[in-house]
Amino acid sequence: MNYQILDHQKVEIIEMYLDGMADKWFQGVKLEKPGLSWSEFGDLLCKRFSDSICQDVIEEFNKLLQERSVGEYQEKFEELKPLMLIKNRNLDENYFISSFISGLKEEIKPMIRMLKPATLIEAFELSQWQEYSLKVQHKTPNSLGRIGLEFQKETP
């Protein structure tokens, strides 16, 4: 699902997920800067927890590739996407669609590009269907091959 969350609500929502050192840090920030915007939150978070960590996120995101299943790749992609948005709020849906597709395995990527998904959710879904389709195709030749061999043995 694609939830349209307003910027002023994002800080309230993210606060529910902070724990440990980040939660303690944020409680102090909230007292000093009531009404903190999403943009300010992102900037302060990166400054407090090191711009190098944010740079590492960008590097990890840009090098992200599907190694196993589409589902595992999608999970990691969805984990890094919000961190990318904190660092650069100007990244749009098309950027993320393109990034997701470019990290797919070579046997999945061309079909998804050809289908031109309009949303990231659509790209996720199409990729999972393509992966499933390839699995089914790989099973069919083996069973057909055995049937073909048996048929050839019976034919004079």
N, C-alpha and C. Protein backbone atom coordinates (compact mmCIF):
# COMPACT_ATOMS: atom_id res chain seq x y z
N MET A 1 0.84 -1.18 0.00
CA MET A 1 0.00 0.00 0.00
C MET A 1 0.87 1.24 0.00
N ASN A 2 0.35 2.27 -0.61
CA ASN A 2 1.07 3.52 -0.66
C ASN A 2 0.33 4.52 0.21
N TYR A 3 0.85 4.79 1.41
CA TYR A 3 0.22 5.71 2.33
C TYR A 3 0.75 7.11 2.07
N GLN A 4 -0.16 8.05 1.98
CA GLN A 4 0.22 9.44 1.81
C GLN A 4 0.28 10.08 3.20
N ILE A 5 1.48 10.16 3.73
CA ILE A 5 1.67 10.71 5.07
C ILE A 5 2.23 12.11 4.94
N LEU A 6 1.60 13.04 5.59
CA LEU A 6 2.05 14.43 5.55
C LEU A 6 3.36 14.57 6.31
N ASP A 7 4.19 15.51 5.87
CA ASP A 7 5.51 15.69 6.47
C ASP A 7 5.46 15.88 7.98
N HIS A 8 4.50 16.69 8.47
CA HIS A 8 4.46 16.93 9.91
C HIS A 8 4.07 15.68 10.70
N GLN A 9 3.44 14.70 10.04
CA GLN A 9 3.07 13.45 10.71
C GLN A 9 4.23 12.44 10.70
N LYS A 10 5.14 12.58 9.74
CA LYS A 10 6.24 11.62 9.61
C LYS A 10 7.12 11.59 10.85
N VAL A 11 7.38 12.76 11.43
CA VAL A 11 8.23 12.83 12.62
C VAL A 11 7.54 12.11 13.78
N GLU A 12 6.23 12.30 13.91
CA GLU A 12 5.49 11.63 14.98
C GLU A 12 5.51 10.11 14.79
N ILE A 13 5.39 9.67 13.55
CA ILE A 13 5.38 8.23 13.27
C ILE A 13 6.75 7.62 13.51
N ILE A 14 7.79 8.28 13.02
CA ILE A 14 9.14 7.72 13.17
C ILE A 14 9.53 7.62 14.64
N GLU A 15 9.00 8.53 15.45
CA GLU A 15 9.32 8.50 16.88
C GLU A 15 8.91 7.18 17.52
N MET A 16 7.84 6.57 17.04
CA MET A 16 7.38 5.30 17.60
C MET A 16 8.39 4.18 17.36
N TYR A 17 9.25 4.33 16.35
CA TYR A 17 10.19 3.28 15.99
C TYR A 17 11.60 3.50 16.52
N LEU A 18 11.84 4.64 17.14
CA LEU A 18 13.17 4.91 17.68
C LEU A 18 13.33 4.18 19.01
N ASP A 19 14.53 3.66 19.23
CA ASP A 19 14.81 3.07 20.53
C ASP A 19 16.27 3.28 20.88
N GLY A 20 16.62 2.92 22.10
CA GLY A 20 18.00 3.05 22.55
C GLY A 20 18.52 4.47 22.48
N MET A 21 19.74 4.60 21.98
CA MET A 21 20.41 5.89 21.91
C MET A 21 19.64 6.90 21.04
N ALA A 22 19.08 6.41 19.93
CA ALA A 22 18.34 7.30 19.03
C ALA A 22 17.11 7.88 19.72
N ASP A 23 16.43 7.06 20.52
CA ASP A 23 15.24 7.54 21.23
C ASP A 23 15.62 8.59 22.27
N LYS A 24 16.69 8.33 23.02
CA LYS A 24 17.14 9.30 24.03
C LYS A 24 17.54 10.61 23.36
N TRP A 25 18.26 10.52 22.26
CA TRP A 25 18.68 11.71 21.52
C TRP A 25 17.45 12.50 21.06
N PHE A 26 16.48 11.78 20.50
CA PHE A 26 15.31 12.46 19.94
C PHE A 26 14.47 13.13 21.03
N GLN A 27 14.38 12.55 22.21
CA GLN A 27 13.62 13.17 23.30
C GLN A 27 14.20 14.55 23.63
N GLY A 28 15.53 14.65 23.63
CA GLY A 28 16.18 15.95 23.86
C GLY A 28 15.93 16.92 22.73
N VAL A 29 16.00 16.44 21.49
CA VAL A 29 15.76 17.29 20.32
C VAL A 29 14.34 17.84 20.35
N LYS A 30 13.39 16.99 20.72
CA LYS A 30 11.98 17.40 20.77
C LYS A 30 11.78 18.56 21.75
N LEU A 31 12.48 18.51 22.88
CA LEU A 31 12.36 19.58 23.87
C LEU A 31 12.95 20.88 23.35
N GLU A 32 14.08 20.77 22.65
CA GLU A 32 14.75 21.96 22.12
C GLU A 32 14.05 22.53 20.90
N LYS A 33 13.46 21.67 20.08
CA LYS A 33 12.87 22.10 18.82
C LYS A 33 11.47 21.52 18.65
N PRO A 34 10.50 22.06 19.40
CA PRO A 34 9.13 21.56 19.21
C PRO A 34 8.66 21.92 17.79
N GLY A 35 7.87 21.05 17.22
CA GLY A 35 7.38 21.29 15.86
C GLY A 35 8.43 21.02 14.80
N LEU A 36 9.36 20.14 15.09
CA LEU A 36 10.44 19.78 14.18
C LEU A 36 9.87 19.26 12.86
N SER A 37 10.36 19.78 11.74
CA SER A 37 9.89 19.31 10.43
C SER A 37 10.62 18.03 10.04
N TRP A 38 10.07 17.32 9.07
CA TRP A 38 10.67 16.09 8.56
C TRP A 38 12.06 16.37 7.98
N SER A 39 12.16 17.45 7.28
CA SER A 39 13.44 17.85 6.67
C SER A 39 14.49 18.11 7.76
N GLU A 40 14.10 18.87 8.78
CA GLU A 40 15.02 19.15 9.89
C GLU A 40 15.41 17.86 10.62
N PHE A 41 14.43 16.99 10.81
CA PHE A 41 14.70 15.72 11.47
C PHE A 41 15.77 14.94 10.72
N GLY A 42 15.62 14.84 9.40
CA GLY A 42 16.60 14.12 8.58
C GLY A 42 17.99 14.70 8.69
N ASP A 43 18.07 16.02 8.64
CA ASP A 43 19.36 16.69 8.74
C ASP A 43 20.01 16.46 10.10
N LEU A 44 19.23 16.62 11.16
CA LEU A 44 19.76 16.43 12.52
C LEU A 44 20.15 14.97 12.77
N LEU A 45 19.36 14.06 12.27
CA LEU A 45 19.66 12.63 12.44
C LEU A 45 21.00 12.28 11.80
N CYS A 46 21.20 12.76 10.58
CA CYS A 46 22.47 12.47 9.89
C CYS A 46 23.65 13.15 10.58
N LYS A 47 23.44 14.36 11.06
CA LYS A 47 24.53 15.05 11.76
C LYS A 47 24.87 14.35 13.07
N ARG A 48 23.84 13.95 13.81
CA ARG A 48 24.07 13.31 15.11
C ARG A 48 24.70 11.93 14.97
N PHE A 49 24.20 11.17 14.04
CA PHE A 49 24.68 9.80 13.91
C PHE A 49 25.63 9.65 12.73
N SER A 50 26.27 10.74 12.37
CA SER A 50 27.36 10.78 11.41
C SER A 50 26.92 10.74 9.96
N ASP A 51 27.37 11.74 9.23
CA ASP A 51 27.12 11.78 7.80
C ASP A 51 27.74 10.58 7.10
N SER A 52 28.81 10.03 7.69
CA SER A 52 29.43 8.86 7.05
C SER A 52 28.48 7.67 7.07
N ILE A 53 27.68 7.55 8.11
CA ILE A 53 26.68 6.48 8.15
C ILE A 53 25.67 6.71 7.04
N CYS A 54 25.24 7.96 6.86
CA CYS A 54 24.29 8.28 5.79
C CYS A 54 24.93 8.01 4.43
N GLN A 55 26.21 8.32 4.28
CA GLN A 55 26.91 8.04 3.03
C GLN A 55 26.95 6.53 2.79
N ASP A 56 27.18 5.76 3.86
CA ASP A 56 27.19 4.31 3.73
C ASP A 56 25.85 3.80 3.23
N VAL A 57 24.75 4.40 3.70
CA VAL A 57 23.41 4.01 3.25
C VAL A 57 23.27 4.27 1.76
N ILE A 58 23.72 5.43 1.32
CA ILE A 58 23.64 5.76 -0.11
C ILE A 58 24.45 4.77 -0.93
N GLU A 59 25.63 4.47 -0.48
CA GLU A 59 26.48 3.52 -1.20
C GLU A 59 25.84 2.14 -1.23
N GLU A 60 25.33 1.70 -0.07
CA GLU A 60 24.69 0.38 0.00
C GLU A 60 23.46 0.33 -0.91
N PHE A 61 22.67 1.41 -0.91
CA PHE A 61 21.48 1.44 -1.75
C PHE A 61 21.85 1.38 -3.23
N ASN A 62 22.84 2.17 -3.61
CA ASN A 62 23.24 2.22 -5.02
C ASN A 62 23.89 0.94 -5.51
N LYS A 63 24.43 0.13 -4.60
CA LYS A 63 25.06 -1.13 -4.99
C LYS A 63 24.15 -2.34 -4.74
N LEU A 64 22.94 -2.09 -4.29
CA LEU A 64 22.04 -3.17 -3.96
C LEU A 64 21.66 -3.98 -5.19
N LEU A 65 21.84 -5.30 -5.10
CA LEU A 65 21.52 -6.22 -6.20
C LEU A 65 20.73 -7.39 -5.66
N GLN A 66 19.87 -7.94 -6.49
CA GLN A 66 19.15 -9.15 -6.11
C GLN A 66 20.13 -10.31 -6.14
N GLU A 67 20.30 -10.95 -5.00
CA GLU A 67 21.19 -12.11 -4.92
C GLU A 67 20.40 -13.40 -4.83
N ARG A 68 19.29 -13.37 -4.14
CA ARG A 68 18.47 -14.57 -3.99
C ARG A 68 17.10 -14.31 -4.60
N SER A 69 16.06 -14.34 -3.77
CA SER A 69 14.70 -14.16 -4.29
C SER A 69 14.35 -12.68 -4.45
N VAL A 70 13.34 -12.44 -5.26
CA VAL A 70 12.83 -11.08 -5.42
C VAL A 70 12.32 -10.57 -4.08
N GLY A 71 11.67 -11.43 -3.31
CA GLY A 71 11.14 -11.03 -2.00
C GLY A 71 12.22 -10.53 -1.06
N GLU A 72 13.35 -11.22 -1.01
CA GLU A 72 14.46 -10.79 -0.13
C GLU A 72 15.05 -9.47 -0.62
N TYR A 73 15.19 -9.34 -1.92
CA TYR A 73 15.71 -8.10 -2.51
C TYR A 73 14.76 -6.95 -2.21
N GLN A 74 13.47 -7.18 -2.39
CA GLN A 74 12.47 -6.15 -2.13
C GLN A 74 12.50 -5.72 -0.67
N GLU A 75 12.67 -6.67 0.24
CA GLU A 75 12.71 -6.36 1.66
C GLU A 75 13.89 -5.42 1.99
N LYS A 76 15.06 -5.73 1.46
CA LYS A 76 16.24 -4.88 1.70
C LYS A 76 16.04 -3.51 1.05
N PHE A 77 15.46 -3.50 -0.15
CA PHE A 77 15.20 -2.25 -0.86
C PHE A 77 14.27 -1.35 -0.03
N GLU A 78 13.21 -1.94 0.50
CA GLU A 78 12.24 -1.18 1.31
C GLU A 78 12.85 -0.72 2.63
N GLU A 79 13.84 -1.43 3.12
CA GLU A 79 14.53 -1.03 4.35
C GLU A 79 15.39 0.21 4.10
N LEU A 80 16.04 0.26 2.94
CA LEU A 80 16.96 1.36 2.64
C LEU A 80 16.26 2.59 2.04
N LYS A 81 15.12 2.40 1.41
CA LYS A 81 14.43 3.52 0.73
C LYS A 81 14.13 4.70 1.67
N PRO A 82 13.55 4.48 2.85
CA PRO A 82 13.28 5.64 3.72
C PRO A 82 14.55 6.37 4.14
N LEU A 83 15.63 5.62 4.32
CA LEU A 83 16.90 6.25 4.70
C LEU A 83 17.43 7.12 3.56
N MET A 84 17.19 6.67 2.34
CA MET A 84 17.57 7.48 1.17
C MET A 84 16.74 8.76 1.12
N LEU A 85 15.47 8.65 1.43
CA LEU A 85 14.58 9.82 1.41
C LEU A 85 14.94 10.82 2.50
N ILE A 86 15.43 10.31 3.63
CA ILE A 86 15.87 11.23 4.68
C ILE A 86 17.05 12.05 4.18
N LYS A 87 17.95 11.39 3.47
CA LYS A 87 19.16 12.06 2.96
C LYS A 87 18.85 12.98 1.80
N ASN A 88 17.91 12.58 0.91
CA ASN A 88 17.57 13.39 -0.26
C ASN A 88 16.07 13.31 -0.51
N ARG A 89 15.37 14.32 -0.04
CA ARG A 89 13.92 14.35 -0.13
C ARG A 89 13.39 14.56 -1.54
N ASN A 90 14.27 14.87 -2.49
CA ASN A 90 13.84 15.13 -3.86
C ASN A 90 13.75 13.87 -4.72
N LEU A 91 14.13 12.72 -4.18
CA LEU A 91 14.04 11.47 -4.94
C LEU A 91 12.57 11.12 -5.14
N ASP A 92 12.20 10.85 -6.38
CA ASP A 92 10.79 10.57 -6.66
C ASP A 92 10.55 9.09 -6.95
N GLU A 93 9.30 8.75 -7.18
CA GLU A 93 8.89 7.37 -7.44
C GLU A 93 9.63 6.78 -8.63
N ASN A 94 9.81 7.56 -9.69
CA ASN A 94 10.50 7.05 -10.88
C ASN A 94 11.95 6.67 -10.58
N TYR A 95 12.59 7.43 -9.71
CA TYR A 95 13.97 7.11 -9.32
C TYR A 95 14.01 5.73 -8.65
N PHE A 96 13.07 5.51 -7.73
CA PHE A 96 13.06 4.25 -7.00
C PHE A 96 12.64 3.07 -7.89
N ILE A 97 11.73 3.31 -8.82
CA ILE A 97 11.36 2.25 -9.77
C ILE A 97 12.58 1.85 -10.58
N SER A 98 13.26 2.84 -11.11
CA SER A 98 14.45 2.58 -11.93
C SER A 98 15.54 1.88 -11.12
N SER A 99 15.77 2.32 -9.90
CA SER A 99 16.78 1.71 -9.03
C SER A 99 16.43 0.26 -8.73
N PHE A 100 15.17 0.00 -8.44
CA PHE A 100 14.74 -1.36 -8.12
C PHE A 100 14.97 -2.27 -9.33
N ILE A 101 14.52 -1.83 -10.49
CA ILE A 101 14.66 -2.65 -11.69
C ILE A 101 16.13 -2.89 -12.02
N SER A 102 16.96 -1.89 -11.88
CA SER A 102 18.37 -2.05 -12.24
C SER A 102 19.09 -3.05 -11.35
N GLY A 103 18.58 -3.31 -10.14
CA GLY A 103 19.21 -4.27 -9.25
C GLY A 103 18.71 -5.70 -9.39
N LEU A 104 17.70 -5.89 -10.23
CA LEU A 104 17.15 -7.23 -10.43
C LEU A 104 18.13 -8.13 -11.17
N LYS A 105 17.97 -9.44 -11.01
CA LYS A 105 18.78 -10.40 -11.76
C LYS A 105 18.54 -10.21 -13.25
N GLU A 106 19.55 -10.54 -14.04
CA GLU A 106 19.49 -10.31 -15.49
C GLU A 106 18.35 -11.06 -16.17
N GLU A 107 17.95 -12.20 -15.63
CA GLU A 107 16.87 -12.95 -16.27
C GLU A 107 15.48 -12.38 -15.96
N ILE A 108 15.40 -11.46 -15.01
CA ILE A 108 14.12 -10.84 -14.63
C ILE A 108 14.02 -9.42 -15.17
N LYS A 109 15.12 -8.72 -15.14
CA LYS A 109 15.17 -7.29 -15.48
C LYS A 109 14.54 -6.91 -16.82
N PRO A 110 14.88 -7.58 -17.94
CA PRO A 110 14.35 -7.13 -19.24
C PRO A 110 12.81 -7.14 -19.32
N MET A 111 12.21 -8.17 -18.76
CA MET A 111 10.74 -8.26 -18.80
C MET A 111 10.11 -7.12 -18.01
N ILE A 112 10.66 -6.80 -16.87
CA ILE A 112 10.09 -5.75 -16.03
C ILE A 112 10.27 -4.40 -16.71
N ARG A 113 11.43 -4.18 -17.32
CA ARG A 113 11.63 -2.93 -18.08
C ARG A 113 10.62 -2.81 -19.20
N MET A 114 10.39 -3.91 -19.90
CA MET A 114 9.47 -3.90 -21.03
C MET A 114 8.04 -3.57 -20.57
N LEU A 115 7.67 -4.05 -19.40
CA LEU A 115 6.32 -3.83 -18.89
C LEU A 115 6.11 -2.42 -18.34
N LYS A 116 7.20 -1.68 -18.12
CA LYS A 116 7.18 -0.28 -17.67
C LYS A 116 6.22 -0.03 -16.49
N PRO A 117 6.55 -0.57 -15.33
CA PRO A 117 5.67 -0.35 -14.17
C PRO A 117 5.57 1.14 -13.83
N ALA A 118 4.36 1.56 -13.50
CA ALA A 118 4.11 2.98 -13.19
C ALA A 118 4.38 3.31 -11.73
N THR A 119 4.38 2.28 -10.88
CA THR A 119 4.62 2.49 -9.45
C THR A 119 5.63 1.47 -8.95
N LEU A 120 6.20 1.76 -7.82
CA LEU A 120 7.16 0.83 -7.22
C LEU A 120 6.45 -0.46 -6.80
N ILE A 121 5.26 -0.34 -6.29
CA ILE A 121 4.48 -1.51 -5.90
C ILE A 121 4.25 -2.41 -7.11
N GLU A 122 3.95 -1.81 -8.24
CA GLU A 122 3.74 -2.57 -9.47
C GLU A 122 5.05 -3.26 -9.90
N ALA A 123 6.16 -2.59 -9.76
CA ALA A 123 7.46 -3.18 -10.10
C ALA A 123 7.74 -4.38 -9.19
N PHE A 124 7.42 -4.25 -7.90
CA PHE A 124 7.60 -5.37 -6.97
C PHE A 124 6.76 -6.57 -7.42
N GLU A 125 5.49 -6.30 -7.69
CA GLU A 125 4.57 -7.37 -8.05
C GLU A 125 4.96 -8.05 -9.37
N LEU A 126 5.28 -7.26 -10.38
CA LEU A 126 5.68 -7.81 -11.68
C LEU A 126 6.95 -8.65 -11.55
N SER A 127 7.87 -8.21 -10.72
CA SER A 127 9.12 -8.94 -10.52
C SER A 127 8.86 -10.29 -9.87
N GLN A 128 7.96 -10.30 -8.90
CA GLN A 128 7.63 -11.56 -8.25
C GLN A 128 6.94 -12.52 -9.23
N TRP A 129 6.07 -11.99 -10.09
CA TRP A 129 5.42 -12.83 -11.10
C TRP A 129 6.43 -13.36 -12.11
N GLN A 130 7.36 -12.52 -12.51
CA GLN A 130 8.38 -12.95 -13.48
C GLN A 130 9.27 -14.05 -12.86
N GLU A 131 9.64 -13.87 -11.62
CA GLU A 131 10.43 -14.89 -10.93
C GLU A 131 9.67 -16.21 -10.89
N TYR A 132 8.39 -16.15 -10.55
CA TYR A 132 7.56 -17.35 -10.51
C TYR A 132 7.46 -17.99 -11.90
N SER A 133 7.26 -17.17 -12.91
CA SER A 133 7.16 -17.66 -14.29
C SER A 133 8.43 -18.39 -14.71
N LEU A 134 9.58 -17.85 -14.35
CA LEU A 134 10.85 -18.50 -14.69
C LEU A 134 11.00 -19.84 -13.98
N LYS A 135 10.55 -19.92 -12.74
CA LYS A 135 10.62 -21.18 -12.00
C LYS A 135 9.75 -22.23 -12.69
N VAL A 136 8.55 -21.84 -13.11
CA VAL A 136 7.65 -22.76 -13.78
C VAL A 136 8.25 -23.21 -15.11
N GLN A 137 8.84 -22.29 -15.85
CA GLN A 137 9.45 -22.63 -17.15
C GLN A 137 10.60 -23.60 -16.98
N HIS A 138 11.36 -23.46 -15.92
CA HIS A 138 12.50 -24.36 -15.69
C HIS A 138 12.05 -25.76 -15.31
N LYS A 139 10.89 -25.88 -14.74
CA LYS A 139 10.38 -27.21 -14.38
C LYS A 139 9.83 -27.93 -15.60
N THR A 140 9.20 -27.21 -16.52
CA THR A 140 8.54 -27.81 -17.67
C THR A 140 9.48 -28.56 -18.59
N PRO A 141 10.64 -28.02 -19.00
CA PRO A 141 11.51 -28.76 -19.92
C PRO A 141 11.96 -30.10 -19.37
N ASN A 142 12.22 -30.20 -18.09
CA ASN A 142 12.66 -31.47 -17.50
C ASN A 142 11.58 -32.53 -17.63
N SER A 143 10.35 -32.19 -17.29
CA SER A 143 9.30 -33.19 -17.39
C SER A 143 8.98 -33.50 -18.84
N LEU A 144 9.02 -32.51 -19.71
CA LEU A 144 8.77 -32.76 -21.13
C LEU A 144 9.90 -33.59 -21.73
N GLY A 145 11.13 -33.36 -21.28
CA GLY A 145 12.28 -34.10 -21.78
C GLY A 145 12.14 -35.58 -21.50
N ARG A 146 11.71 -35.92 -20.30
CA ARG A 146 11.53 -37.32 -19.95
C ARG A 146 10.41 -37.95 -20.78
N ILE A 147 9.32 -37.22 -20.95
CA ILE A 147 8.21 -37.73 -21.75
C ILE A 147 8.68 -37.94 -23.20
N GLY A 148 9.45 -36.99 -23.70
CA GLY A 148 9.96 -37.09 -25.07
C GLY A 148 10.87 -38.29 -25.25
N LEU A 149 11.74 -38.54 -24.28
CA LEU A 149 12.64 -39.70 -24.36
C LEU A 149 11.87 -41.01 -24.34
N GLU A 150 10.86 -41.08 -23.48
CA GLU A 150 10.05 -42.28 -23.41
C GLU A 150 9.29 -42.50 -24.72
N PHE A 151 8.82 -41.42 -25.31
CA PHE A 151 8.08 -41.50 -26.57
C PHE A 151 9.00 -41.98 -27.68
N GLN A 152 10.23 -41.50 -27.70
CA GLN A 152 11.19 -41.87 -28.73
C GLN A 152 11.56 -43.35 -28.62
N LYS A 153 11.65 -43.87 -27.41
CA LYS A 153 11.99 -45.28 -27.20
C LYS A 153 10.89 -46.20 -27.74
N GLU A 154 9.64 -45.76 -27.62
CA GLU A 154 8.52 -46.58 -28.07
C GLU A 154 8.34 -46.53 -29.58
N THR A 155 8.77 -45.45 -30.21
CA THR A 155 8.58 -45.28 -31.64
C THR A 155 9.67 -46.06 -32.40
N PRO A 156 9.26 -46.89 -33.43
CA PRO A 156 10.27 -47.63 -34.19
C PRO A 156 11.09 -46.76 -35.10
